[in-house]
């Protein structure tokens, strides 16, 4: 799904995990999913927030909805028959750059691209004729789940919407496709690259961090349940205590604080997601933010650019290694300034 420049930041914040917010439908191939699953499929039961889903046969026509499950399936060699279209940081066709690269490398056609948005496009999904729908990192409601389940076996998120750890997205997709071993190997490969990045930057270890999306009227702070924060912890950072101290029940993965309260959000490093350098500079000039210790101490790190924001918001099986070097580089100056 997607995020886009020019939206009010509240919309941008929601767009980061939702990966969608309303675009035209895009067509694509409707042939059976190209699958790398094993010849003998063992039936599996997957538990999730709305119950459990039994998958008795090797899925042949997989549809994905949400963020991350498309990439996990592609990384495991299964090309969905339909998946969400993207706009924020995406190609003109509606693919994220790492998706385009992976599909090209696989010699695969672009799947049917579903209309992005907060509303599930039930008719488009049904038209794709799926035998499995993967929505394990999404915001579907129980009513959505019931409708989707009438179309095909559907796997929802394990607990709260938009909080599934990125590793669990890969594990669950692998389990559903009968490729648990391959998913485990994929995770080992990715973890190896993340571990290498952490080892090459021992200065990250133990530094407290707060990850935010900001505009002139409010701070949107990501909670510990958000996969973005979990990825930062993988690199050695610790969630700043102030994030929990200021937390509200506004959402399972973020909360808002006013510009009058931002000085209370203390941390060694403040990580902000901004669409472009002009936006970053505008925010840095705002008196409310200049009052923050992090701005005064030059310990603000910014992930700049739509594709790079998308790559780590949160990371996926394909995007993590695609954007890892740039992400780490964006953190280095602020960490050095923090001492």
C-alpha atoms as a PDB file:
ATOM      1  CA  UNK A   1       0.000   0.000   0.000  1.00  0.00           C
ATOM      2  CA  UNK A   2       1.350   3.508  -0.003  1.00  0.00           C
ATOM      3  CA  UNK A   3       2.224   6.887   1.309  1.00  0.00           C
ATOM      4  CA  UNK A   4       2.265  10.095  -0.622  1.00  0.00           C
ATOM      5  CA  UNK A   5       3.784  13.557  -0.565  1.00  0.00           C
ATOM      6  CA  UNK A   6       1.494  16.537  -0.210  1.00  0.00           C
ATOM      7  CA  UNK A   7      -0.854  14.854   2.256  1.00  0.00           C
ATOM      8  CA  UNK A   8      -1.402  16.388   5.679  1.00  0.00           C
ATOM      9  CA  UNK A   9       0.948  14.578   8.016  1.00  0.00           C
ATOM     10  CA  UNK A  10      -1.902  12.825   9.803  1.00  0.00           C
ATOM     11  CA  UNK A  11      -2.769  11.214   6.503  1.00  0.00           C
ATOM     12  CA  UNK A  12       0.887  10.519   5.784  1.00  0.00           C
ATOM     13  CA  UNK A  13       1.290   8.829   9.150  1.00  0.00           C
ATOM     14  CA  UNK A  14      -1.577   6.481   8.453  1.00  0.00           C
ATOM     15  CA  UNK A  15      -0.391   5.974   4.909  1.00  0.00           C
ATOM     16  CA  UNK A  16       2.971   4.701   6.123  1.00  0.00           C
ATOM     17  CA  UNK A  17       1.575   1.470   7.515  1.00  0.00           C
ATOM     18  CA  UNK A  18      -1.551   1.362   5.422  1.00  0.00           C
ATOM     19  CA  UNK A  19       0.444   1.575   2.234  1.00  0.00           C
ATOM     20  CA  UNK A  20      -2.574   2.932   0.396  1.00  0.00           C
ATOM     21  CA  UNK A  21      -4.990   5.793   0.118  1.00  0.00           C
ATOM     22  CA  UNK A  22      -7.049   5.808  -2.997  1.00  0.00           C
ATOM     23  CA  UNK A  23      -5.868   5.487  -6.564  1.00  0.00           C
ATOM     24  CA  UNK A  24      -7.170   4.049  -9.798  1.00  0.00           C
ATOM     25  CA  UNK A  25      -7.233   0.312 -10.320  1.00  0.00           C
ATOM     26  CA  UNK A  26      -4.375  -1.073 -12.335  1.00  0.00           C
ATOM     27  CA  UNK A  27      -4.579  -4.208 -14.399  1.00  0.00           C
ATOM     28  CA  UNK A  28      -2.120  -7.050 -14.650  1.00  0.00           C
ATOM     29  CA  UNK A  29      -1.739 -10.746 -15.162  1.00  0.00           C
ATOM     30  CA  UNK A  30      -4.505 -12.956 -13.774  1.00  0.00           C
ATOM     31  CA  UNK A  31      -2.809 -16.276 -14.348  1.00  0.00           C
ATOM     32  CA  UNK A  32      -2.163 -18.752 -11.555  1.00  0.00           C
ATOM     33  CA  UNK A  33       0.398 -17.700  -8.979  1.00  0.00           C
ATOM     34  CA  UNK A  34       3.852 -18.831  -9.938  1.00  0.00           C
ATOM     35  CA  UNK A  35       4.801 -20.913  -6.919  1.00  0.00           C
ATOM     36  CA  UNK A  36       8.039 -22.289  -5.564  1.00  0.00           C
ATOM     37  CA  UNK A  37       6.208 -24.428  -3.005  1.00  0.00           C
ATOM     38  CA  UNK A  38       7.174 -28.005  -2.448  1.00  0.00           C
ATOM     39  CA  UNK A  39       5.547 -30.839  -4.376  1.00  0.00           C
ATOM     40  CA  UNK A  40       3.976 -32.286  -1.213  1.00  0.00           C
ATOM     41  CA  UNK A  41       1.987 -29.748   0.787  1.00  0.00           C
ATOM     42  CA  UNK A  42       1.254 -30.449   4.422  1.00  0.00           C
ATOM     43  CA  UNK A  43      -2.082 -28.984   5.590  1.00  0.00           C
ATOM     44  CA  UNK A  44      -1.585 -26.148   8.049  1.00  0.00           C
ATOM     45  CA  UNK A  45      -3.744 -24.214  10.510  1.00  0.00           C
ATOM     46  CA  UNK A  46      -2.808 -20.587  11.141  1.00  0.00           C
ATOM     47  CA  UNK A  47      -4.203 -18.767  14.173  1.00  0.00           C
ATOM     48  CA  UNK A  48      -4.899 -15.038  13.944  1.00  0.00           C
ATOM     49  CA  UNK A  49      -6.927 -12.238  15.515  1.00  0.00           C
ATOM     50  CA  UNK A  50     -10.230 -13.493  14.084  1.00  0.00           C
ATOM     51  CA  UNK A  51      -9.822 -17.203  14.731  1.00  0.00           C
ATOM     52  CA  UNK A  52      -7.911 -19.708  12.675  1.00  0.00           C
ATOM     53  CA  UNK A  53      -7.576 -20.581   9.010  1.00  0.00           C
ATOM     54  CA  UNK A  54      -7.052 -24.105   7.719  1.00  0.00           C
ATOM     55  CA  UNK A  55      -5.150 -24.417   4.453  1.00  0.00           C
ATOM     56  CA  UNK A  56      -5.541 -27.954   3.147  1.00  0.00           C
ATOM     57  CA  UNK A  57      -3.961 -27.719  -0.300  1.00  0.00           C
ATOM     58  CA  UNK A  58      -1.041 -25.948  -1.932  1.00  0.00           C
ATOM     59  CA  UNK A  59      -2.265 -22.429  -2.788  1.00  0.00           C
ATOM     60  CA  UNK A  60      -2.267 -21.786  -6.522  1.00  0.00           C
ATOM     61  CA  UNK A  61      -3.811 -18.316  -6.761  1.00  0.00           C
ATOM     62  CA  UNK A  62      -2.602 -16.037  -3.987  1.00  0.00           C
ATOM     63  CA  UNK A  63      -3.906 -12.516  -3.389  1.00  0.00           C
ATOM     64  CA  UNK A  64      -2.208 -10.224  -0.889  1.00  0.00           C
ATOM     65  CA  UNK A  65      -3.605  -7.221   0.948  1.00  0.00           C
ATOM     66  CA  UNK A  66      -1.809  -4.854   3.277  1.00  0.00           C
ATOM     67  CA  UNK A  67       1.925  -4.335   3.469  1.00  0.00           C
ATOM     68  CA  UNK A  68       4.740  -6.864   3.370  1.00  0.00           C
ATOM     69  CA  UNK A  69       2.906 -10.052   2.446  1.00  0.00           C
ATOM     70  CA  UNK A  70       3.309  -9.361  -1.283  1.00  0.00           C
ATOM     71  CA  UNK A  71       7.051  -8.988  -0.843  1.00  0.00           C
ATOM     72  CA  UNK A  72       7.325 -12.090   1.326  1.00  0.00           C
ATOM     73  CA  UNK A  73       5.488 -14.184  -1.257  1.00  0.00           C
ATOM     74  CA  UNK A  74       7.615 -12.847  -4.119  1.00  0.00           C
ATOM     75  CA  UNK A  75      10.818 -13.387  -2.135  1.00  0.00           C
ATOM     76  CA  UNK A  76       9.757 -17.003  -1.591  1.00  0.00           C
ATOM     77  CA  UNK A  77       9.120 -17.470  -5.302  1.00  0.00           C
ATOM     78  CA  UNK A  78       5.332 -17.173  -5.344  1.00  0.00           C
ATOM     79  CA  UNK A  79       4.052 -14.347  -7.540  1.00  0.00           C
ATOM     80  CA  UNK A  80       0.591 -13.194  -6.384  1.00  0.00           C
ATOM     81  CA  UNK A  81      -2.210 -13.065  -8.936  1.00  0.00           C
ATOM     82  CA  UNK A  82      -3.211  -9.736  -7.367  1.00  0.00           C
ATOM     83  CA  UNK A  83      -1.649  -7.396  -4.835  1.00  0.00           C
ATOM     84  CA  UNK A  84      -2.048  -3.757  -3.719  1.00  0.00           C
ATOM     85  CA  UNK A  85      -1.044  -0.940  -6.004  1.00  0.00           C
ATOM     86  CA  UNK A  86       1.368   1.608  -4.522  1.00  0.00           C
ATOM     87  CA  UNK A  87       1.810   5.294  -5.215  1.00  0.00           C
ATOM     88  CA  UNK A  88       4.069   6.781  -2.549  1.00  0.00           C
ATOM     89  CA  UNK A  89       7.637   6.129  -3.641  1.00  0.00           C
ATOM     90  CA  UNK A  90       6.445   3.773  -6.356  1.00  0.00           C
ATOM     91  CA  UNK A  91       6.960   3.496 -10.094  1.00  0.00           C
ATOM     92  CA  UNK A  92       4.404   4.871 -12.542  1.00  0.00           C
ATOM     93  CA  UNK A  93       3.001   1.368 -12.842  1.00  0.00           C
ATOM     94  CA  UNK A  94       2.346   1.204  -9.107  1.00  0.00           C
ATOM     95  CA  UNK A  95       5.144  -1.091  -7.953  1.00  0.00           C
ATOM     96  CA  UNK A  96       7.706  -0.335  -5.294  1.00  0.00           C
ATOM     97  CA  UNK A  97      11.191  -0.284  -6.852  1.00  0.00           C
ATOM     98  CA  UNK A  98      12.274  -3.450  -5.049  1.00  0.00           C
ATOM     99  CA  UNK A  99       9.140  -5.227  -6.252  1.00  0.00           C
ATOM    100  CA  UNK A 100       9.843  -4.198  -9.824  1.00  0.00           C
ATOM    101  CA  UNK A 101      13.421  -5.462  -9.537  1.00  0.00           C
ATOM    102  CA  UNK A 102      12.328  -8.794  -8.038  1.00  0.00           C
ATOM    103  CA  UNK A 103       9.618  -9.396 -10.636  1.00  0.00           C
ATOM    104  CA  UNK A 104      12.029  -8.557 -13.443  1.00  0.00           C
ATOM    105  CA  UNK A 105      14.647 -10.908 -11.996  1.00  0.00           C
ATOM    106  CA  UNK A 106      12.019 -13.663 -11.810  1.00  0.00           C
ATOM    107  CA  UNK A 107      10.897 -13.038 -15.377  1.00  0.00           C
ATOM    108  CA  UNK A 108       7.359 -12.553 -14.061  1.00  0.00           C
ATOM    109  CA  UNK A 109       4.578 -10.331 -15.328  1.00  0.00           C
ATOM    110  CA  UNK A 110       3.158  -7.636 -13.082  1.00  0.00           C
ATOM    111  CA  UNK A 111       0.246  -9.045 -11.053  1.00  0.00           C
ATOM    112  CA  UNK A 112      -3.158  -7.406 -11.136  1.00  0.00           C
ATOM    113  CA  UNK A 113      -2.776  -4.313  -8.964  1.00  0.00           C
ATOM    114  CA  UNK A 114      -5.653  -3.708  -6.575  1.00  0.00           C
ATOM    115  CA  UNK A 115      -7.039  -0.238  -5.943  1.00  0.00           C
ATOM    116  CA  UNK A 116      -5.183   1.085  -2.940  1.00  0.00           C
ATOM    117  CA  UNK A 117      -6.980   2.655  -0.019  1.00  0.00           C
ATOM    118  CA  UNK A 118      -8.239   2.025   3.471  1.00  0.00           C
ATOM    119  CA  UNK A 119     -11.268   0.190   2.074  1.00  0.00           C
ATOM    120  CA  UNK A 120     -10.780  -3.404   0.963  1.00  0.00           C
ATOM    121  CA  UNK A 121     -11.615  -3.786  -2.777  1.00  0.00           C
ATOM    122  CA  UNK A 122     -13.684  -6.924  -2.366  1.00  0.00           C
ATOM    123  CA  UNK A 123     -14.938  -7.090  -5.946  1.00  0.00           C
ATOM    124  CA  UNK A 124     -11.435  -6.763  -7.393  1.00  0.00           C
ATOM    125  CA  UNK A 125     -10.129  -9.447  -5.063  1.00  0.00           C
ATOM    126  CA  UNK A 126     -12.982 -11.785  -5.949  1.00  0.00           C
ATOM    127  CA  UNK A 127     -12.388 -11.160  -9.654  1.00  0.00           C
ATOM    128  CA  UNK A 128      -8.811 -12.409  -9.252  1.00  0.00           C
ATOM    129  CA  UNK A 129     -10.186 -15.825  -8.271  1.00  0.00           C
ATOM    130  CA  UNK A 130      -7.894 -16.464  -5.296  1.00  0.00           C
ATOM    131  CA  UNK A 131      -7.658 -19.656  -3.287  1.00  0.00           C
ATOM    132  CA  UNK A 132      -5.712 -17.844  -0.539  1.00  0.00           C
ATOM    133  CA  UNK A 133      -5.766 -14.237   0.697  1.00  0.00           C
ATOM    134  CA  UNK A 134      -2.844 -13.045   2.810  1.00  0.00           C
ATOM    135  CA  UNK A 135      -3.643  -9.992   4.955  1.00  0.00           C
ATOM    136  CA  UNK A 136      -1.335 -10.709   7.856  1.00  0.00           C
ATOM    137  CA  UNK A 137      -0.014  -7.135   8.088  1.00  0.00           C
ATOM    138  CA  UNK A 138      -3.088  -5.038   7.397  1.00  0.00           C
ATOM    139  CA  UNK A 139      -5.922  -3.107   8.975  1.00  0.00           C
ATOM    140  CA  UNK A 140      -8.835  -5.321   8.002  1.00  0.00           C
ATOM    141  CA  UNK A 141     -11.754  -5.458  10.407  1.00  0.00           C
ATOM    142  CA  UNK A 142     -13.540  -8.595  11.512  1.00  0.00           C
ATOM    143  CA  UNK A 143     -16.330  -7.723   9.074  1.00  0.00           C
ATOM    144  CA  UNK A 144     -13.731  -7.413   6.302  1.00  0.00           C
ATOM    145  CA  UNK A 145     -12.300 -10.762   7.305  1.00  0.00           C
ATOM    146  CA  UNK A 146     -15.698 -12.438   7.129  1.00  0.00           C
ATOM    147  CA  UNK A 147     -16.290 -11.039   3.637  1.00  0.00           C
ATOM    148  CA  UNK A 148     -12.836 -12.058   2.447  1.00  0.00           C
ATOM    149  CA  UNK A 149     -13.283 -15.540   3.894  1.00  0.00           C
ATOM    150  CA  UNK A 150     -16.328 -15.982   1.692  1.00  0.00           C
ATOM    151  CA  UNK A 151     -14.049 -15.427  -1.293  1.00  0.00           C
ATOM    152  CA  UNK A 152     -11.142 -17.636  -0.191  1.00  0.00           C
ATOM    153  CA  UNK A 153      -9.178 -18.827   2.833  1.00  0.00           C
ATOM    154  CA  UNK A 154      -7.930 -15.649   4.508  1.00  0.00           C
ATOM    155  CA  UNK A 155      -5.073 -15.128   6.952  1.00  0.00           C
ATOM    156  CA  UNK A 156      -5.343 -11.996   9.116  1.00  0.00           C
ATOM    157  CA  UNK A 157      -2.853 -10.403  11.518  1.00  0.00           C
ATOM    158  CA  UNK A 158      -2.084 -12.254  14.773  1.00  0.00           C
ATOM    159  CA  UNK A 159      -3.145  -9.580  17.261  1.00  0.00           C
ATOM    160  CA  UNK A 160      -3.621  -5.872  16.509  1.00  0.00           C
ATOM    161  CA  UNK A 161      -3.865  -4.236  13.062  1.00  0.00           C
ATOM    162  CA  UNK A 162      -0.638  -2.874  11.605  1.00  0.00           C
ATOM    163  CA  UNK A 163       1.592  -4.298  14.358  1.00  0.00           C
ATOM    164  CA  UNK A 164       2.746  -7.652  12.973  1.00  0.00           C
ATOM    165  CA  UNK A 165       6.552  -7.810  13.302  1.00  0.00           C
ATOM    166  CA  UNK A 166       8.151  -7.909   9.858  1.00  0.00           C
ATOM    167  CA  UNK A 167       9.779 -11.258  10.646  1.00  0.00           C
ATOM    168  CA  UNK A 168       6.413 -12.756  11.527  1.00  0.00           C
ATOM    169  CA  UNK A 169       4.997 -11.559   8.212  1.00  0.00           C
ATOM    170  CA  UNK A 170       7.627 -13.638   6.420  1.00  0.00           C
ATOM    171  CA  UNK A 171       7.187 -16.634   8.719  1.00  0.00           C
ATOM    172  CA  UNK A 172       3.408 -16.684   8.339  1.00  0.00           C
ATOM    173  CA  UNK A 173       3.514 -16.288   4.565  1.00  0.00           C
ATOM    174  CA  UNK A 174       6.012 -19.136   4.377  1.00  0.00           C
ATOM    175  CA  UNK A 175       3.802 -21.319   6.554  1.00  0.00           C
ATOM    176  CA  UNK A 176       0.722 -20.586   4.446  1.00  0.00           C
ATOM    177  CA  UNK A 177       2.562 -21.402   1.227  1.00  0.00           C
ATOM    178  CA  UNK A 178       4.110 -24.604   2.534  1.00  0.00           C
ATOM    179  CA  UNK A 179       7.542 -22.999   2.533  1.00  0.00           C
ATOM    180  CA  UNK A 180       8.429 -22.709   6.191  1.00  0.00           C
ATOM    181  CA  UNK A 181      11.984 -23.931   5.616  1.00  0.00           C
ATOM    182  CA  UNK A 182      12.510 -21.446   2.804  1.00  0.00           C
ATOM    183  CA  UNK A 183      11.087 -18.644   4.956  1.00  0.00           C
ATOM    184  CA  UNK A 184      13.468 -19.573   7.756  1.00  0.00           C
ATOM    185  CA  UNK A 185      16.406 -19.448   5.361  1.00  0.00           C
ATOM    186  CA  UNK A 186      15.236 -16.100   3.978  1.00  0.00           C
ATOM    187  CA  UNK A 187      15.094 -14.689   7.492  1.00  0.00           C
ATOM    188  CA  UNK A 188      18.549 -16.024   8.261  1.00  0.00           C
ATOM    189  CA  UNK A 189      19.902 -14.272   5.185  1.00  0.00           C
ATOM    190  CA  UNK A 190      18.201 -10.982   6.050  1.00  0.00           C
ATOM    191  CA  UNK A 191      19.145 -11.206   9.723  1.00  0.00           C
ATOM    192  CA  UNK A 192      22.719 -11.763   8.641  1.00  0.00           C
ATOM    193  CA  UNK A 193      22.736  -8.483   6.744  1.00  0.00           C
ATOM    194  CA  UNK A 194      21.084  -6.603   9.620  1.00  0.00           C
ATOM    195  CA  UNK A 195      23.508  -8.149  12.115  1.00  0.00           C
ATOM    196  CA  UNK A 196      26.419  -7.104   9.917  1.00  0.00           C
ATOM    197  CA  UNK A 197      25.104  -3.532   9.833  1.00  0.00           C
ATOM    198  CA  UNK A 198      24.762  -3.550  13.622  1.00  0.00           C
ATOM    199  CA  UNK A 199      28.258  -4.980  14.074  1.00  0.00           C
ATOM    200  CA  UNK A 200      29.691  -2.324  11.780  1.00  0.00           C
ATOM    201  CA  UNK A 201      28.028   0.360  13.922  1.00  0.00           C
ATOM    202  CA  UNK A 202      28.652  -0.524  17.574  1.00  0.00           C
ATOM    203  CA  UNK A 203      27.917   3.115  18.384  1.00  0.00           C
ATOM    204  CA  UNK A 204      24.215   2.343  17.840  1.00  0.00           C
ATOM    205  CA  UNK A 205      24.179  -0.100  20.757  1.00  0.00           C
ATOM    206  CA  UNK A 206      22.240   1.237  23.737  1.00  0.00           C
ATOM    207  CA  UNK A 207      21.414   4.608  22.215  1.00  0.00           C
ATOM    208  CA  UNK A 208      17.838   5.598  22.976  1.00  0.00           C
ATOM    209  CA  UNK A 209      15.708   6.580  20.020  1.00  0.00           C
ATOM    210  CA  UNK A 210      12.268   7.967  19.245  1.00  0.00           C
ATOM    211  CA  UNK A 211      10.825   7.528  15.747  1.00  0.00           C
ATOM    212  CA  UNK A 212       8.346  10.151  14.600  1.00  0.00           C
ATOM    213  CA  UNK A 213       6.460  11.652  11.712  1.00  0.00           C
ATOM    214  CA  UNK A 214       6.048  15.409  12.158  1.00  0.00           C
ATOM    215  CA  UNK A 215       4.374  18.519  10.778  1.00  0.00           C
ATOM    216  CA  UNK A 216       3.953  22.093  12.096  1.00  0.00           C
ATOM    217  CA  UNK A 217       0.951  21.120  14.251  1.00  0.00           C
ATOM    218  CA  UNK A 218       1.812  17.796  15.873  1.00  0.00           C
ATOM    219  CA  UNK A 219       4.236  14.970  16.468  1.00  0.00           C
ATOM    220  CA  UNK A 220       3.148  11.451  15.599  1.00  0.00           C
ATOM    221  CA  UNK A 221       5.211   9.093  17.727  1.00  0.00           C
ATOM    222  CA  UNK A 222       5.643   5.409  16.911  1.00  0.00           C
ATOM    223  CA  UNK A 223       5.181   3.017  19.826  1.00  0.00           C
ATOM    224  CA  UNK A 224       7.244  -0.031  20.665  1.00  0.00           C
ATOM    225  CA  UNK A 225       4.650  -2.277  19.002  1.00  0.00           C
ATOM    226  CA  UNK A 226       5.339  -0.660  15.644  1.00  0.00           C
ATOM    227  CA  UNK A 227       7.631  -2.711  13.373  1.00  0.00           C
ATOM    228  CA  UNK A 228       9.650   0.418  12.524  1.00  0.00           C
ATOM    229  CA  UNK A 229      10.732   0.615  16.144  1.00  0.00           C
ATOM    230  CA  UNK A 230      11.420  -3.113  16.268  1.00  0.00           C
ATOM    231  CA  UNK A 231      13.725  -2.755  13.270  1.00  0.00           C
ATOM    232  CA  UNK A 232      15.654   0.019  15.049  1.00  0.00           C
ATOM    233  CA  UNK A 233      16.028  -2.300  18.027  1.00  0.00           C
ATOM    234  CA  UNK A 234      17.470  -4.924  15.677  1.00  0.00           C
ATOM    235  CA  UNK A 235      20.217  -2.418  14.879  1.00  0.00           C
ATOM    236  CA  UNK A 236      21.043  -1.974  18.563  1.00  0.00           C
ATOM    237  CA  UNK A 237      18.938   1.027  19.559  1.00  0.00           C
ATOM    238  CA  UNK A 238      16.658   1.110  22.585  1.00  0.00           C
ATOM    239  CA  UNK A 239      13.239   2.738  22.624  1.00  0.00           C
ATOM    240  CA  UNK A 240      13.478   5.970  24.606  1.00  0.00           C
ATOM    241  CA  UNK A 241      11.605   5.732  27.945  1.00  0.00           C
ATOM    242  CA  UNK A 242       9.841   9.003  27.128  1.00  0.00           C
ATOM    243  CA  UNK A 243       7.978   7.255  24.295  1.00  0.00           C
ATOM    244  CA  UNK A 244       6.171   5.045  26.807  1.00  0.00           C
ATOM    245  CA  UNK A 245       5.826   7.824  29.379  1.00  0.00           C
ATOM    246  CA  UNK A 246       3.926  10.060  26.953  1.00  0.00           C
ATOM    247  CA  UNK A 247       1.979   7.252  25.296  1.00  0.00           C
ATOM    248  CA  UNK A 248      -1.792   7.367  24.880  1.00  0.00           C
ATOM    249  CA  UNK A 249      -4.373   4.851  23.672  1.00  0.00           C
ATOM    250  CA  UNK A 250      -4.911   6.730  20.411  1.00  0.00           C
ATOM    251  CA  UNK A 251      -3.703   3.766  18.364  1.00  0.00           C
ATOM    252  CA  UNK A 252      -1.926   0.466  18.797  1.00  0.00           C
ATOM    253  CA  UNK A 253       1.158   1.662  16.937  1.00  0.00           C
ATOM    254  CA  UNK A 254       1.362   5.468  17.340  1.00  0.00           C
ATOM    255  CA  UNK A 255       0.108   8.457  19.301  1.00  0.00           C
ATOM    256  CA  UNK A 256       0.043  12.225  18.856  1.00  0.00           C
ATOM    257  CA  UNK A 257       1.548  14.952  21.000  1.00  0.00           C
ATOM    258  CA  UNK A 258       1.145  18.679  20.429  1.00  0.00           C
ATOM    259  CA  UNK A 259       3.940  21.075  19.563  1.00  0.00           C
ATOM    260  CA  UNK A 260       3.702  22.413  23.122  1.00  0.00           C
ATOM    261  CA  UNK A 261       4.701  18.995  24.488  1.00  0.00           C
ATOM    262  CA  UNK A 262       7.427  17.923  22.093  1.00  0.00           C
ATOM    263  CA  UNK A 263      10.219  18.985  24.426  1.00  0.00           C
ATOM    264  CA  UNK A 264       9.110  16.143  26.723  1.00  0.00           C
ATOM    265  CA  UNK A 265       9.992  13.566  24.069  1.00  0.00           C
ATOM    266  CA  UNK A 266      13.609  13.122  25.095  1.00  0.00           C
ATOM    267  CA  UNK A 267      15.997  10.634  23.501  1.00  0.00           C
ATOM    268  CA  UNK A 268      19.609  10.286  22.433  1.00  0.00           C
ATOM    269  CA  UNK A 269      18.467  10.294  18.804  1.00  0.00           C
ATOM    270  CA  UNK A 270      15.257  11.490  17.170  1.00  0.00           C
ATOM    271  CA  UNK A 271      14.430   9.770  13.878  1.00  0.00           C
ATOM    272  CA  UNK A 272      11.989  11.599  11.625  1.00  0.00           C
ATOM    273  CA  UNK A 273      10.442  10.451   8.367  1.00  0.00           C
ATOM    274  CA  UNK A 274      10.141  13.273   5.799  1.00  0.00           C
ATOM    275  CA  UNK A 275       9.194  13.101   2.146  1.00  0.00           C
ATOM    276  CA  UNK A 276      11.768  15.601   0.869  1.00  0.00           C
ATOM    277  CA  UNK A 277      14.553  17.933   1.961  1.00  0.00           C
ATOM    278  CA  UNK A 278      12.346  21.025   1.692  1.00  0.00           C
ATOM    279  CA  UNK A 279       9.936  19.569   4.245  1.00  0.00           C
ATOM    280  CA  UNK A 280      12.817  18.616   6.518  1.00  0.00           C
ATOM    281  CA  UNK A 281      14.265  22.141   6.382  1.00  0.00           C
ATOM    282  CA  UNK A 282      10.860  23.728   6.996  1.00  0.00           C
ATOM    283  CA  UNK A 283      10.322  21.635  10.097  1.00  0.00           C
ATOM    284  CA  UNK A 284      13.834  22.284  11.371  1.00  0.00           C
ATOM    285  CA  UNK A 285      13.118  26.025  11.247  1.00  0.00           C
ATOM    286  CA  UNK A 286       9.955  25.752  13.352  1.00  0.00           C
ATOM    287  CA  UNK A 287      10.515  27.376  16.794  1.00  0.00           C
ATOM    288  CA  UNK A 288       8.611  24.609  18.582  1.00  0.00           C
ATOM    289  CA  UNK A 289      10.965  21.966  17.281  1.00  0.00           C
ATOM    290  CA  UNK A 290      14.056  24.104  17.713  1.00  0.00           C
ATOM    291  CA  UNK A 291      13.290  24.016  21.439  1.00  0.00           C
ATOM    292  CA  UNK A 292      13.840  20.247  21.510  1.00  0.00           C
ATOM    293  CA  UNK A 293      17.169  19.027  22.830  1.00  0.00           C
ATOM    294  CA  UNK A 294      17.664  16.813  19.791  1.00  0.00           C
ATOM    295  CA  UNK A 295      17.396  19.762  17.389  1.00  0.00           C
ATOM    296  CA  UNK A 296      19.746  21.824  19.535  1.00  0.00           C
ATOM    297  CA  UNK A 297      22.270  18.982  19.779  1.00  0.00           C
ATOM    298  CA  UNK A 298      22.091  17.965  16.096  1.00  0.00           C
ATOM    299  CA  UNK A 299      20.936  14.490  17.078  1.00  0.00           C
ATOM    300  CA  UNK A 300      18.013  14.433  14.650  1.00  0.00           C
ATOM    301  CA  UNK A 301      18.253  11.826  11.897  1.00  0.00           C
ATOM    302  CA  UNK A 302      15.954  12.018   8.899  1.00  0.00           C
ATOM    303  CA  UNK A 303      14.899   9.374   6.428  1.00  0.00           C
ATOM    304  CA  UNK A 304      14.329  11.507   3.334  1.00  0.00           C
ATOM    305  CA  UNK A 305      12.594  10.361   0.174  1.00  0.00           C
ATOM    306  CA  UNK A 306       9.421   8.438  -0.488  1.00  0.00           C
ATOM    307  CA  UNK A 307      11.017   5.171  -1.572  1.00  0.00           C
ATOM    308  CA  UNK A 308      13.399   5.081   1.379  1.00  0.00           C
ATOM    309  CA  UNK A 309      10.623   5.914   3.836  1.00  0.00           C
ATOM    310  CA  UNK A 310       8.567   3.106   2.357  1.00  0.00           C
ATOM    311  CA  UNK A 311      11.479   0.680   2.507  1.00  0.00           C
ATOM    312  CA  UNK A 312      11.632   0.890   6.301  1.00  0.00           C
ATOM    313  CA  UNK A 313       7.994   1.676   7.124  1.00  0.00           C
ATOM    314  CA  UNK A 314       8.161  -1.081   8.069  1.00  0.00           C
ATOM    315  CA  UNK A 315      10.772  -3.183   6.260  1.00  0.00           C
ATOM    316  CA  UNK A 316       9.741  -6.170   4.183  1.00  0.00           C
ATOM    317  CA  UNK A 317      11.366  -9.306   2.813  1.00  0.00           C
ATOM    318  CA  UNK A 318      12.422  -7.361  -0.283  1.00  0.00           C
ATOM    319  CA  UNK A 319      12.767  -3.775   0.905  1.00  0.00           C
ATOM    320  CA  UNK A 320      14.970  -4.240   3.941  1.00  0.00           C
ATOM    321  CA  UNK A 321      18.181  -5.080   2.158  1.00  0.00           C
ATOM    322  CA  UNK A 322      17.252  -2.759  -0.748  1.00  0.00           C
ATOM    323  CA  UNK A 323      17.298   0.307   1.524  1.00  0.00           C
ATOM    324  CA  UNK A 324      19.474  -0.849   4.426  1.00  0.00           C
ATOM    325  CA  UNK A 325      22.689   0.979   3.516  1.00  0.00           C
ATOM    326  CA  UNK A 326      20.933   4.310   2.987  1.00  0.00           C
ATOM    327  CA  UNK A 327      18.935   3.909   6.187  1.00  0.00           C
ATOM    328  CA  UNK A 328      22.021   3.215   8.271  1.00  0.00           C
ATOM    329  CA  UNK A 329      23.853   6.126   6.659  1.00  0.00           C
ATOM    330  CA  UNK A 330      21.002   8.473   7.588  1.00  0.00           C
ATOM    331  CA  UNK A 331      21.445   7.545  11.264  1.00  0.00           C
ATOM    332  CA  UNK A 332      25.219   7.917  11.488  1.00  0.00           C
ATOM    333  CA  UNK A 333      25.598  11.729  11.882  1.00  0.00           C
ATOM    334  CA  UNK A 334      22.978  11.986  14.636  1.00  0.00           C
ATOM    335  CA  UNK A 335      24.462   9.064  16.552  1.00  0.00           C
ATOM    336  CA  UNK A 336      27.937  10.563  16.292  1.00  0.00           C
ATOM    337  CA  UNK A 337      26.613  13.881  17.592  1.00  0.00           C
ATOM    338  CA  UNK A 338      24.974  12.064  20.507  1.00  0.00           C
ATOM    339  CA  UNK A 339      28.416  10.830  21.561  1.00  0.00           C
END
